[in-house]
Amino acid sequence: MIVLDYRDRRPIYEQVIERFEELMFKGVLVQDAKLPSVRSLATELSINPNTIQRAYTELERQGYIYSVKGKGSFVADWSRVRTGMVKEWEKAFDEAVMEGLRIGMTEEEMEARLKRMAKQAAESGRMQDAKERGRFEAAAEGSPGPADGQMTTERGESHD
């Protein structure tokens, strides 16, 4: 479900937030989907539960999730948040295109680059999406991960 990179300089809780955001954007986590409990996710990732709690608190503050006392945390209707993020992305994209034109890039060069990047993302994303879906579904049900029943970190360590 979530893969952490312990070599990353960013705090672990920020990586957890980023991974959940990615899962939501990719449609792996849909509205009202139950997230793994703080304790179970902390155990799977072999990190302090306070780290997961901090990530969940921040995700809730940002409007990505909501909590129900005694029931757990769930994915919120974050379509408004996504709309704002899309607008920010569009602005950054437009600025990058204008900068490209300013330095002499042609429309064809930019289009070719965009197609290359989309192809790379599709190729690398398909396999990762399948793994994430399997891990999330297993974690949400409280069972082990997909085929191998284990979670792995970026270092390749396995966690039962």
Protein backbone atom coordinates (compact mmCIF):
# COMPACT_ATOMS: atom_id res chain seq x y z
CA MET A 1 0.00 0.00 0.00
CA ILE A 2 2.58 2.56 1.05
CA VAL A 3 6.25 2.40 0.21
CA LEU A 4 8.61 4.58 2.24
CA ASP A 5 12.08 5.69 1.26
CA TYR A 6 14.21 5.86 4.38
CA ARG A 7 16.97 7.61 2.43
CA ASP A 8 14.60 10.49 1.67
CA ARG A 9 15.43 13.56 3.74
CA ARG A 10 11.78 14.41 4.25
CA PRO A 11 10.09 13.30 7.45
CA ILE A 12 8.32 9.94 7.30
CA TYR A 13 4.92 11.49 8.03
CA GLU A 14 5.27 13.71 4.93
CA GLN A 15 6.02 10.63 2.83
CA VAL A 16 2.93 8.90 4.24
CA ILE A 17 0.81 11.96 3.36
CA GLU A 18 2.24 12.05 -0.16
CA ARG A 19 1.59 8.34 -0.72
CA PHE A 20 -2.03 8.63 0.41
CA GLU A 21 -2.52 11.65 -1.85
CA GLU A 22 -1.12 9.64 -4.77
CA LEU A 23 -3.47 6.75 -4.01
CA MET A 24 -6.42 9.15 -3.98
CA PHE A 25 -5.41 10.86 -7.22
CA LYS A 26 -4.96 7.52 -8.97
CA GLY A 27 -8.39 6.36 -7.83
CA VAL A 28 -7.03 3.54 -5.68
CA LEU A 29 -8.61 5.20 -2.65
CA VAL A 30 -12.14 6.34 -3.43
CA GLN A 31 -14.54 8.48 -1.46
CA ASP A 32 -15.62 6.87 1.84
CA ALA A 33 -13.00 4.11 1.59
CA LYS A 34 -11.81 3.07 5.05
CA LEU A 35 -8.14 3.66 5.73
CA PRO A 36 -6.07 1.17 7.73
CA SER A 37 -6.03 1.88 11.45
CA VAL A 38 -3.15 3.92 12.82
CA ARG A 39 -1.86 0.92 14.73
CA SER A 40 -2.07 -1.56 11.86
CA LEU A 41 -0.38 0.77 9.35
CA ALA A 42 2.34 1.64 11.86
CA THR A 43 2.94 -2.06 12.44
CA GLU A 44 3.07 -2.82 8.71
CA LEU A 45 5.58 -0.03 8.10
CA SER A 46 7.51 -0.65 11.33
CA ILE A 47 7.22 2.97 12.40
CA ASN A 48 5.87 4.77 15.46
CA PRO A 49 2.05 5.06 15.53
CA ASN A 50 2.45 8.75 16.39
CA THR A 51 3.96 9.23 12.93
CA ILE A 52 0.88 7.74 11.26
CA GLN A 53 -1.40 9.74 13.54
CA ARG A 54 0.41 12.93 12.56
CA ALA A 55 -0.04 12.09 8.86
CA TYR A 56 -3.74 11.30 9.35
CA THR A 57 -4.24 14.54 11.29
CA GLU A 58 -2.63 16.54 8.51
CA LEU A 59 -4.63 14.73 5.81
CA GLU A 60 -7.80 15.53 7.76
CA ARG A 61 -6.77 19.17 8.15
CA GLN A 62 -6.23 19.40 4.39
CA GLY A 63 -9.66 17.88 3.71
CA TYR A 64 -8.52 14.58 2.24
CA ILE A 65 -9.92 12.35 4.98
CA TYR A 66 -12.41 12.47 7.83
CA SER A 67 -12.59 10.52 11.07
CA VAL A 68 -15.54 8.87 12.73
CA LYS A 69 -15.03 8.29 16.43
CA GLY A 70 -14.79 4.58 17.14
CA LYS A 71 -14.96 3.68 13.44
CA GLY A 72 -11.72 4.98 11.92
CA SER A 73 -10.62 7.29 9.13
CA PHE A 74 -12.19 7.48 5.69
CA VAL A 75 -11.47 9.18 2.37
CA ALA A 76 -13.39 12.45 2.11
CA ASP A 77 -15.04 13.97 -0.94
CA TRP A 78 -11.99 15.88 -1.99
CA SER A 79 -13.16 16.93 -5.45
CA ARG A 80 -12.94 20.62 -4.43
CA VAL A 81 -9.39 20.11 -3.18
CA ARG A 82 -8.51 18.37 -6.43
CA THR A 83 -10.07 21.18 -8.47
CA GLY A 84 -7.83 23.70 -6.68
CA MET A 85 -4.78 21.52 -7.26
CA VAL A 86 -5.63 21.18 -10.95
CA LYS A 87 -5.84 24.97 -11.25
CA GLU A 88 -2.42 25.31 -9.59
CA TRP A 89 -1.00 22.68 -11.95
CA GLU A 90 -2.50 24.43 -14.98
CA LYS A 91 -0.89 27.71 -13.93
CA ALA A 92 2.52 26.04 -13.47
CA PHE A 93 2.11 24.21 -16.79
CA ASP A 94 1.23 27.43 -18.60
CA GLU A 95 4.28 29.13 -17.08
CA ALA A 96 6.52 26.26 -18.19
CA VAL A 97 5.15 26.42 -21.74
CA MET A 98 5.67 30.18 -21.88
CA GLU A 99 9.25 29.74 -20.61
CA GLY A 100 9.85 27.05 -23.24
CA LEU A 101 8.61 29.34 -25.98
CA ARG A 102 10.73 32.18 -24.59
CA ILE A 103 13.91 30.08 -24.87
CA GLY A 104 13.08 28.96 -28.38
CA MET A 105 11.44 25.56 -27.97
CA THR A 106 8.97 24.71 -30.68
CA GLU A 107 5.44 23.50 -30.14
CA GLU A 108 6.44 20.19 -31.70
CA GLU A 109 9.36 19.76 -29.25
CA MET A 110 7.10 20.43 -26.30
CA GLU A 111 4.42 18.07 -27.61
CA ALA A 112 7.00 15.31 -28.18
CA ARG A 113 8.30 15.75 -24.64
CA LEU A 114 4.78 15.65 -23.22
CA LYS A 115 4.00 12.44 -25.10
CA ARG A 116 7.29 10.86 -23.96
CA MET A 117 6.57 11.72 -20.33
CA ALA A 118 2.98 10.47 -20.54
CA LYS A 119 4.18 7.18 -22.02
CA GLN A 120 6.80 6.76 -19.26
CA ALA A 121 4.23 7.54 -16.58
CA ALA A 122 1.77 5.07 -18.06
CA GLU A 123 4.35 2.30 -18.28
CA SER A 124 5.70 2.75 -14.77
CA GLY A 125 2.32 3.56 -13.28
CA ARG A 126 0.40 0.51 -14.45
CA MET A 127 2.49 -1.94 -12.50
CA GLN A 128 2.67 0.30 -9.42
CA ASP A 129 -1.10 0.92 -9.49
CA ALA A 130 -1.82 -2.81 -9.46
CA LYS A 131 0.50 -3.35 -6.51
CA GLU A 132 -0.99 -0.43 -4.59
CA ARG A 133 -4.57 -1.58 -5.19
CA GLY A 134 -3.77 -5.07 -3.92
CA ARG A 135 -1.96 -3.78 -0.86
CA PHE A 136 -4.65 -1.27 0.01
CA GLU A 137 -7.49 -3.74 -0.33
CA ALA A 138 -5.66 -6.28 1.81
CA ALA A 139 -4.74 -3.70 4.47
CA ALA A 140 -8.27 -2.31 4.62
CA GLU A 141 -9.63 -5.82 5.14
CA GLY A 142 -7.08 -6.49 7.86
CA SER A 143 -5.46 -9.34 5.99
CA PRO A 144 -1.87 -9.64 4.78
CA GLY A 145 -0.77 -7.97 1.57
CA PRO A 146 -1.35 -9.42 -1.89
CA ALA A 147 0.32 -12.59 -3.12
CA ASP A 148 3.31 -12.58 -0.83
CA GLY A 149 1.44 -11.30 2.21
CA GLN A 150 4.11 -8.72 3.01
CA MET A 151 4.71 -4.98 2.77
CA THR A 152 8.06 -3.76 1.53
CA THR A 153 10.02 -0.59 1.99
CA GLU A 154 12.17 1.17 -0.61
CA ARG A 155 15.15 -0.69 0.85
CA GLY A 156 13.47 -3.96 -0.10
CA GLU A 157 12.87 -4.98 3.51
CA SER A 158 9.79 -7.10 4.08
CA HIS A 159 7.35 -6.55 6.90
CA ASP A 160 4.71 -9.09 7.93
